Amino acid sequence: MKKQDVIDFFGTQAAVAEALTTAGYRISQPAVSKWGELVPEIQALRLSKISGGALVFDESVYLASESAA
């Protein structure tokens, strides 16, 4: 899941942090700003859940990035 797709969905980094926090996954806007191009895997899973699947978690993206590391 790409960070820019998440920001486009929620509107701002602050709104991303607020959505996660409201869902019970406490995170700050500065933490969101530190994400790279790819949203951390656990956050991607959470975002997929709270977006009702509108943001799609694709496990193969994360498996591919682990292989490249």
PDB file of N, CA and C in Angstrom:
ATOM      1  N   MET A   1       0.851  -1.165   0.000  1.00  0.00           N
ATOM      2  CA  MET A   1       0.000   0.000   0.000  1.00  0.00           C
ATOM      3  C   MET A   1       0.901   1.234   0.000  1.00  0.00           C
ATOM      4  N   LYS A   2       0.643   2.124  -0.904  1.00  0.00           N
ATOM      5  CA  LYS A   2       1.478   3.320  -1.012  1.00  0.00           C
ATOM      6  C   LYS A   2       0.952   4.438  -0.113  1.00  0.00           C
ATOM      7  N   LYS A   3       1.886   5.124   0.490  1.00  0.00           N
ATOM      8  CA  LYS A   3       1.554   6.213   1.403  1.00  0.00           C
ATOM      9  C   LYS A   3       0.688   7.264   0.717  1.00  0.00           C
ATOM     10  N   GLN A   4       1.022   7.612  -0.521  1.00  0.00           N
ATOM     11  CA  GLN A   4       0.267   8.655  -1.209  1.00  0.00           C
ATOM     12  C   GLN A   4      -1.185   8.235  -1.440  1.00  0.00           C
ATOM     13  N   ASP A   5      -1.424   6.959  -1.695  1.00  0.00           N
ATOM     14  CA  ASP A   5      -2.799   6.470  -1.859  1.00  0.00           C
ATOM     15  C   ASP A   5      -3.592   6.632  -0.569  1.00  0.00           C
ATOM     16  N   VAL A   6      -2.931   6.384   0.547  1.00  0.00           N
ATOM     17  CA  VAL A   6      -3.583   6.526   1.860  1.00  0.00           C
ATOM     18  C   VAL A   6      -3.901   7.995   2.133  1.00  0.00           C
ATOM     19  N   ILE A   7      -2.944   8.868   1.850  1.00  0.00           N
ATOM     20  CA  ILE A   7      -3.169  10.305   2.053  1.00  0.00           C
ATOM     21  C   ILE A   7      -4.272  10.807   1.135  1.00  0.00           C
ATOM     22  N   ASP A   8      -4.270  10.348  -0.119  1.00  0.00           N
ATOM     23  CA  ASP A   8      -5.335  10.743  -1.047  1.00  0.00           C
ATOM     24  C   ASP A   8      -6.700  10.301  -0.531  1.00  0.00           C
ATOM     25  N   PHE A   9      -6.775   9.124   0.064  1.00  0.00           N
ATOM     26  CA  PHE A   9      -8.036   8.598   0.576  1.00  0.00           C
ATOM     27  C   PHE A   9      -8.537   9.413   1.767  1.00  0.00           C
ATOM     28  N   PHE A  10      -7.649   9.699   2.718  1.00  0.00           N
ATOM     29  CA  PHE A  10      -8.057  10.394   3.940  1.00  0.00           C
ATOM     30  C   PHE A  10      -7.947  11.916   3.842  1.00  0.00           C
ATOM     31  N   GLY A  11      -7.138  12.414   2.920  1.00  0.00           N
ATOM     32  CA  GLY A  11      -7.025  13.853   2.722  1.00  0.00           C
ATOM     33  C   GLY A  11      -5.721  14.461   3.190  1.00  0.00           C
ATOM     34  N   THR A  12      -5.262  14.075   4.376  1.00  0.00           N
ATOM     35  CA  THR A  12      -4.011  14.603   4.938  1.00  0.00           C
ATOM     36  C   THR A  12      -3.354  13.544   5.809  1.00  0.00           C
ATOM     37  N   GLN A  13      -2.088  13.759   6.125  1.00  0.00           N
ATOM     38  CA  GLN A  13      -1.399  12.853   7.056  1.00  0.00           C
ATOM     39  C   GLN A  13      -2.050  12.910   8.424  1.00  0.00           C
ATOM     40  N   ALA A  14      -2.474  14.098   8.831  1.00  0.00           N
ATOM     41  CA  ALA A  14      -3.135  14.239  10.131  1.00  0.00           C
ATOM     42  C   ALA A  14      -4.433  13.432  10.152  1.00  0.00           C
ATOM     43  N   ALA A  15      -5.169  13.430   9.048  1.00  0.00           N
ATOM     44  CA  ALA A  15      -6.416  12.677   8.978  1.00  0.00           C
ATOM     45  C   ALA A  15      -6.148  11.167   9.013  1.00  0.00           C
ATOM     46  N   VAL A  16      -5.040  10.734   8.429  1.00  0.00           N
ATOM     47  CA  VAL A  16      -4.647   9.319   8.490  1.00  0.00           C
ATOM     48  C   VAL A  16      -4.401   8.936   9.947  1.00  0.00           C
ATOM     49  N   ALA A  17      -3.612   9.744  10.634  1.00  0.00           N
ATOM     50  CA  ALA A  17      -3.311   9.475  12.044  1.00  0.00           C
ATOM     51  C   ALA A  17      -4.581   9.482  12.879  1.00  0.00           C
ATOM     52  N   GLU A  18      -5.470  10.426  12.616  1.00  0.00           N
ATOM     53  CA  GLU A  18      -6.722  10.518  13.369  1.00  0.00           C
ATOM     54  C   GLU A  18      -7.596   9.288  13.126  1.00  0.00           C
ATOM     55  N   ALA A  19      -7.679   8.836  11.885  1.00  0.00           N
ATOM     56  CA  ALA A  19      -8.491   7.653  11.560  1.00  0.00           C
ATOM     57  C   ALA A  19      -7.957   6.416  12.274  1.00  0.00           C
ATOM     58  N   LEU A  20      -6.640   6.240  12.256  1.00  0.00           N
ATOM     59  CA  LEU A  20      -6.040   5.096  12.948  1.00  0.00           C
ATOM     60  C   LEU A  20      -6.257   5.191  14.452  1.00  0.00           C
ATOM     61  N   THR A  21      -6.074   6.373  15.002  1.00  0.00           N
ATOM     62  CA  THR A  21      -6.238   6.570  16.443  1.00  0.00           C
ATOM     63  C   THR A  21      -7.693   6.344  16.853  1.00  0.00           C
ATOM     64  N   THR A  22      -8.624   6.865  16.070  1.00  0.00           N
ATOM     65  CA  THR A  22     -10.051   6.680  16.358  1.00  0.00           C
ATOM     66  C   THR A  22     -10.423   5.199  16.345  1.00  0.00           C
ATOM     67  N   ALA A  23      -9.765   4.437  15.479  1.00  0.00           N
ATOM     68  CA  ALA A  23     -10.027   2.997  15.388  1.00  0.00           C
ATOM     69  C   ALA A  23      -9.327   2.210  16.497  1.00  0.00           C
ATOM     70  N   GLY A  24      -8.572   2.913  17.338  1.00  0.00           N
ATOM     71  CA  GLY A  24      -7.916   2.252  18.462  1.00  0.00           C
ATOM     72  C   GLY A  24      -6.444   1.956  18.251  1.00  0.00           C
ATOM     73  N   TYR A  25      -5.891   2.411  17.138  1.00  0.00           N
ATOM     74  CA  TYR A  25      -4.477   2.191  16.824  1.00  0.00           C
ATOM     75  C   TYR A  25      -3.740   3.514  16.968  1.00  0.00           C
ATOM     76  N   ARG A  26      -3.369   3.829  18.155  1.00  0.00           N
ATOM     77  CA  ARG A  26      -2.800   5.135  18.473  1.00  0.00           C
ATOM     78  C   ARG A  26      -1.534   5.410  17.666  1.00  0.00           C
ATOM     79  N   ILE A  27      -1.568   6.493  16.898  1.00  0.00           N
ATOM     80  CA  ILE A  27      -0.422   6.906  16.085  1.00  0.00           C
ATOM     81  C   ILE A  27      -0.502   8.416  15.893  1.00  0.00           C
ATOM     82  N   SER A  28       0.642   9.046  15.779  1.00  0.00           N
ATOM     83  CA  SER A  28       0.679  10.495  15.614  1.00  0.00           C
ATOM     84  C   SER A  28       0.931  10.875  14.159  1.00  0.00           C
ATOM     85  N   GLN A  29       0.617  12.103  13.829  1.00  0.00           N
ATOM     86  CA  GLN A  29       0.889  12.606  12.478  1.00  0.00           C
ATOM     87  C   GLN A  29       2.377  12.580  12.166  1.00  0.00           C
ATOM     88  N   PRO A  30       3.265  12.963  13.120  1.00  0.00           N
ATOM     89  CA  PRO A  30       4.696  12.857  12.817  1.00  0.00           C
ATOM     90  C   PRO A  30       5.135  11.424  12.506  1.00  0.00           C
ATOM     91  N   ALA A  31       4.508  10.444  13.128  1.00  0.00           N
ATOM     92  CA  ALA A  31       4.839   9.047  12.822  1.00  0.00           C
ATOM     93  C   ALA A  31       4.426   8.705  11.391  1.00  0.00           C
ATOM     94  N   VAL A  32       3.261   9.170  10.989  1.00  0.00           N
ATOM     95  CA  VAL A  32       2.793   8.938   9.613  1.00  0.00           C
ATOM     96  C   VAL A  32       3.748   9.605   8.625  1.00  0.00           C
ATOM     97  N   SER A  33       4.225  10.791   8.969  1.00  0.00           N
ATOM     98  CA  SER A  33       5.112  11.519   8.052  1.00  0.00           C
ATOM     99  C   SER A  33       6.442  10.796   7.839  1.00  0.00           C
ATOM    100  N   LYS A  34       6.817   9.931   8.772  1.00  0.00           N
ATOM    101  CA  LYS A  34       8.083   9.192   8.657  1.00  0.00           C
ATOM    102  C   LYS A  34       7.968   7.932   7.805  1.00  0.00           C
ATOM    103  N   TRP A  35       6.740   7.541   7.448  1.00  0.00           N
ATOM    104  CA  TRP A  35       6.588   6.381   6.588  1.00  0.00           C
ATOM    105  C   TRP A  35       7.287   6.637   5.265  1.00  0.00           C
ATOM    106  N   GLY A  36       7.853   5.612   4.699  1.00  0.00           N
ATOM    107  CA  GLY A  36       8.429   5.735   3.366  1.00  0.00           C
ATOM    108  C   GLY A  36       7.325   5.698   2.320  1.00  0.00           C
ATOM    109  N   GLU A  37       7.698   5.409   1.091  1.00  0.00           N
ATOM    110  CA  GLU A  37       6.708   5.328   0.011  1.00  0.00           C
ATOM    111  C   GLU A  37       5.699   4.217   0.282  1.00  0.00           C
ATOM    112  N   LEU A  38       6.167   3.151   0.913  1.00  0.00           N
ATOM    113  CA  LEU A  38       5.327   2.007   1.243  1.00  0.00           C
ATOM    114  C   LEU A  38       4.909   2.097   2.710  1.00  0.00           C
ATOM    115  N   VAL A  39       3.611   2.032   2.967  1.00  0.00           N
ATOM    116  CA  VAL A  39       3.093   2.070   4.336  1.00  0.00           C
ATOM    117  C   VAL A  39       3.582   0.817   5.066  1.00  0.00           C
ATOM    118  N   PRO A  40       4.030   0.951   6.327  1.00  0.00           N
ATOM    119  CA  PRO A  40       4.434  -0.238   7.080  1.00  0.00           C
ATOM    120  C   PRO A  40       3.317  -1.295   7.070  1.00  0.00           C
ATOM    121  N   GLU A  41       3.724  -2.542   6.990  1.00  0.00           N
ATOM    122  CA  GLU A  41       2.782  -3.643   6.789  1.00  0.00           C
ATOM    123  C   GLU A  41       1.641  -3.672   7.804  1.00  0.00           C
ATOM    124  N   ILE A  42       1.941  -3.545   9.076  1.00  0.00           N
ATOM    125  CA  ILE A  42       0.881  -3.616  10.094  1.00  0.00           C
ATOM    126  C   ILE A  42      -0.102  -2.458   9.929  1.00  0.00           C
ATOM    127  N   GLN A  43       0.424  -1.288   9.581  1.00  0.00           N
ATOM    128  CA  GLN A  43      -0.462  -0.137   9.381  1.00  0.00           C
ATOM    129  C   GLN A  43      -1.306  -0.331   8.128  1.00  0.00           C
ATOM    130  N   ALA A  44      -0.732  -0.955   7.106  1.00  0.00           N
ATOM    131  CA  ALA A  44      -1.483  -1.224   5.878  1.00  0.00           C
ATOM    132  C   ALA A  44      -2.646  -2.170   6.161  1.00  0.00           C
ATOM    133  N   LEU A  45      -2.405  -3.186   6.962  1.00  0.00           N
ATOM    134  CA  LEU A  45      -3.486  -4.100   7.358  1.00  0.00           C
ATOM    135  C   LEU A  45      -4.595  -3.347   8.088  1.00  0.00           C
ATOM    136  N   ARG A  46      -4.194  -2.498   9.002  1.00  0.00           N
ATOM    137  CA  ARG A  46      -5.167  -1.718   9.785  1.00  0.00           C
ATOM    138  C   ARG A  46      -5.941  -0.759   8.889  1.00  0.00           C
ATOM    139  N   LEU A  47      -5.241  -0.095   7.982  1.00  0.00           N
ATOM    140  CA  LEU A  47      -5.895   0.861   7.093  1.00  0.00           C
ATOM    141  C   LEU A  47      -6.871   0.170   6.152  1.00  0.00           C
ATOM    142  N   SER A  48      -6.531  -1.016   5.695  1.00  0.00           N
ATOM    143  CA  SER A  48      -7.448  -1.773   4.857  1.00  0.00           C
ATOM    144  C   SER A  48      -8.725  -2.074   5.639  1.00  0.00           C
ATOM    145  N   LYS A  49      -8.555  -2.466   6.886  1.00  0.00           N
ATOM    146  CA  LYS A  49      -9.693  -2.795   7.743  1.00  0.00           C
ATOM    147  C   LYS A  49     -10.571  -1.572   7.994  1.00  0.00           C
ATOM    148  N   ILE A  50      -9.967  -0.452   8.394  1.00  0.00           N
ATOM    149  CA  ILE A  50     -10.790   0.706   8.755  1.00  0.00           C
ATOM    150  C   ILE A  50     -11.360   1.428   7.541  1.00  0.00           C
ATOM    151  N   SER A  51     -10.792   1.187   6.364  1.00  0.00           N
ATOM    152  CA  SER A  51     -11.339   1.804   5.146  1.00  0.00           C
ATOM    153  C   SER A  51     -12.412   0.913   4.516  1.00  0.00           C
ATOM    154  N   GLY A  52     -12.714  -0.198   5.169  1.00  0.00           N
ATOM    155  CA  GLY A  52     -13.705  -1.113   4.629  1.00  0.00           C
ATOM    156  C   GLY A  52     -13.258  -1.777   3.343  1.00  0.00           C
ATOM    157  N   GLY A  53     -11.945  -1.881   3.179  1.00  0.00           N
ATOM    158  CA  GLY A  53     -11.398  -2.520   1.986  1.00  0.00           C
ATOM    159  C   GLY A  53     -11.151  -1.578   0.829  1.00  0.00           C
ATOM    160  N   ALA A  54     -11.499  -0.308   0.993  1.00  0.00           N
ATOM    161  CA  ALA A  54     -11.242   0.671  -0.076  1.00  0.00           C
ATOM    162  C   ALA A  54      -9.740   0.801  -0.326  1.00  0.00           C
ATOM    163  N   LEU A  55      -8.963   0.731   0.752  1.00  0.00           N
ATOM    164  CA  LEU A  55      -7.510   0.673   0.639  1.00  0.00           C
ATOM    165  C   LEU A  55      -7.147  -0.809   0.715  1.00  0.00           C
ATOM    166  N   VAL A  56      -6.536  -1.300  -0.324  1.00  0.00           N
ATOM    167  CA  VAL A  56      -6.303  -2.740  -0.442  1.00  0.00           C
ATOM    168  C   VAL A  56      -4.922  -3.123   0.067  1.00  0.00           C
ATOM    169  N   PHE A  57      -4.897  -4.085   0.974  1.00  0.00           N
ATOM    170  CA  PHE A  57      -3.634  -4.641   1.460  1.00  0.00           C
ATOM    171  C   PHE A  57      -3.238  -5.765   0.521  1.00  0.00           C
ATOM    172  N   ASP A  58      -2.086  -5.633  -0.101  1.00  0.00           N
ATOM    173  CA  ASP A  58      -1.573  -6.649  -1.021  1.00  0.00           C
ATOM    174  C   ASP A  58      -0.311  -7.237  -0.404  1.00  0.00           C
ATOM    175  N   GLU A  59      -0.465  -8.407   0.198  1.00  0.00           N
ATOM    176  CA  GLU A  59       0.649  -9.039   0.893  1.00  0.00           C
ATOM    177  C   GLU A  59       1.851  -9.265  -0.018  1.00  0.00           C
ATOM    178  N   SER A  60       1.621  -9.511  -1.296  1.00  0.00           N
ATOM    179  CA  SER A  60       2.720  -9.781  -2.215  1.00  0.00           C
ATOM    180  C   SER A  60       3.673  -8.585  -2.336  1.00  0.00           C
ATOM    181  N   VAL A  61       3.164  -7.387  -2.155  1.00  0.00           N
ATOM    182  CA  VAL A  61       4.023  -6.193  -2.190  1.00  0.00           C
ATOM    183  C   VAL A  61       5.038  -6.255  -1.059  1.00  0.00           C
ATOM    184  N   TYR A  62       4.573  -6.696   0.101  1.00  0.00           N
ATOM    185  CA  TYR A  62       5.457  -6.755   1.269  1.00  0.00           C
ATOM    186  C   TYR A  62       6.405  -7.945   1.203  1.00  0.00           C
ATOM    187  N   LEU A  63       5.942  -9.038   0.659  1.00  0.00           N
ATOM    188  CA  LEU A  63       6.828 -10.194   0.475  1.00  0.00           C
ATOM    189  C   LEU A  63       7.933  -9.854  -0.516  1.00  0.00           C
ATOM    190  N   ALA A  64       7.593  -9.126  -1.577  1.00  0.00           N
ATOM    191  CA  ALA A  64       8.581  -8.727  -2.576  1.00  0.00           C
ATOM    192  C   ALA A  64       9.606  -7.770  -1.981  1.00  0.00           C
ATOM    193  N   SER A  65       9.159  -6.848  -1.130  1.00  0.00           N
ATOM    194  CA  SER A  65      10.101  -5.895  -0.534  1.00  0.00           C
ATOM    195  C   SER A  65      11.016  -6.574   0.473  1.00  0.00           C
ATOM    196  N   GLU A  66      10.544  -7.626   1.144  1.00  0.00           N
ATOM    197  CA  GLU A  66      11.384  -8.385   2.069  1.00  0.00           C
ATOM    198  C   GLU A  66      12.444  -9.168   1.299  1.00  0.00           C
ATOM    199  N   SER A  67      12.078  -9.700   0.140  1.00  0.00           N
ATOM    200  CA  SER A  67      13.036 -10.464  -0.682  1.00  0.00           C
ATOM    201  C   SER A  67      14.130  -9.558  -1.210  1.00  0.00           C
ATOM    202  N   ALA A  68      13.775  -8.312  -1.507  1.00  0.00           N
ATOM    203  CA  ALA A  68      14.742  -7.379  -2.071  1.00  0.00           C
ATOM    204  C   ALA A  68      15.711  -6.862  -1.013  1.00  0.00           C
ATOM    205  N   ALA A  69      15.323  -6.955   0.255  1.00  0.00           N
ATOM    206  CA  ALA A  69      16.153  -6.413   1.327  1.00  0.00           C
ATOM    207  C   ALA A  69      17.342  -7.277   1.640  1.00  0.00           C
TER     208      ALA A  69
END
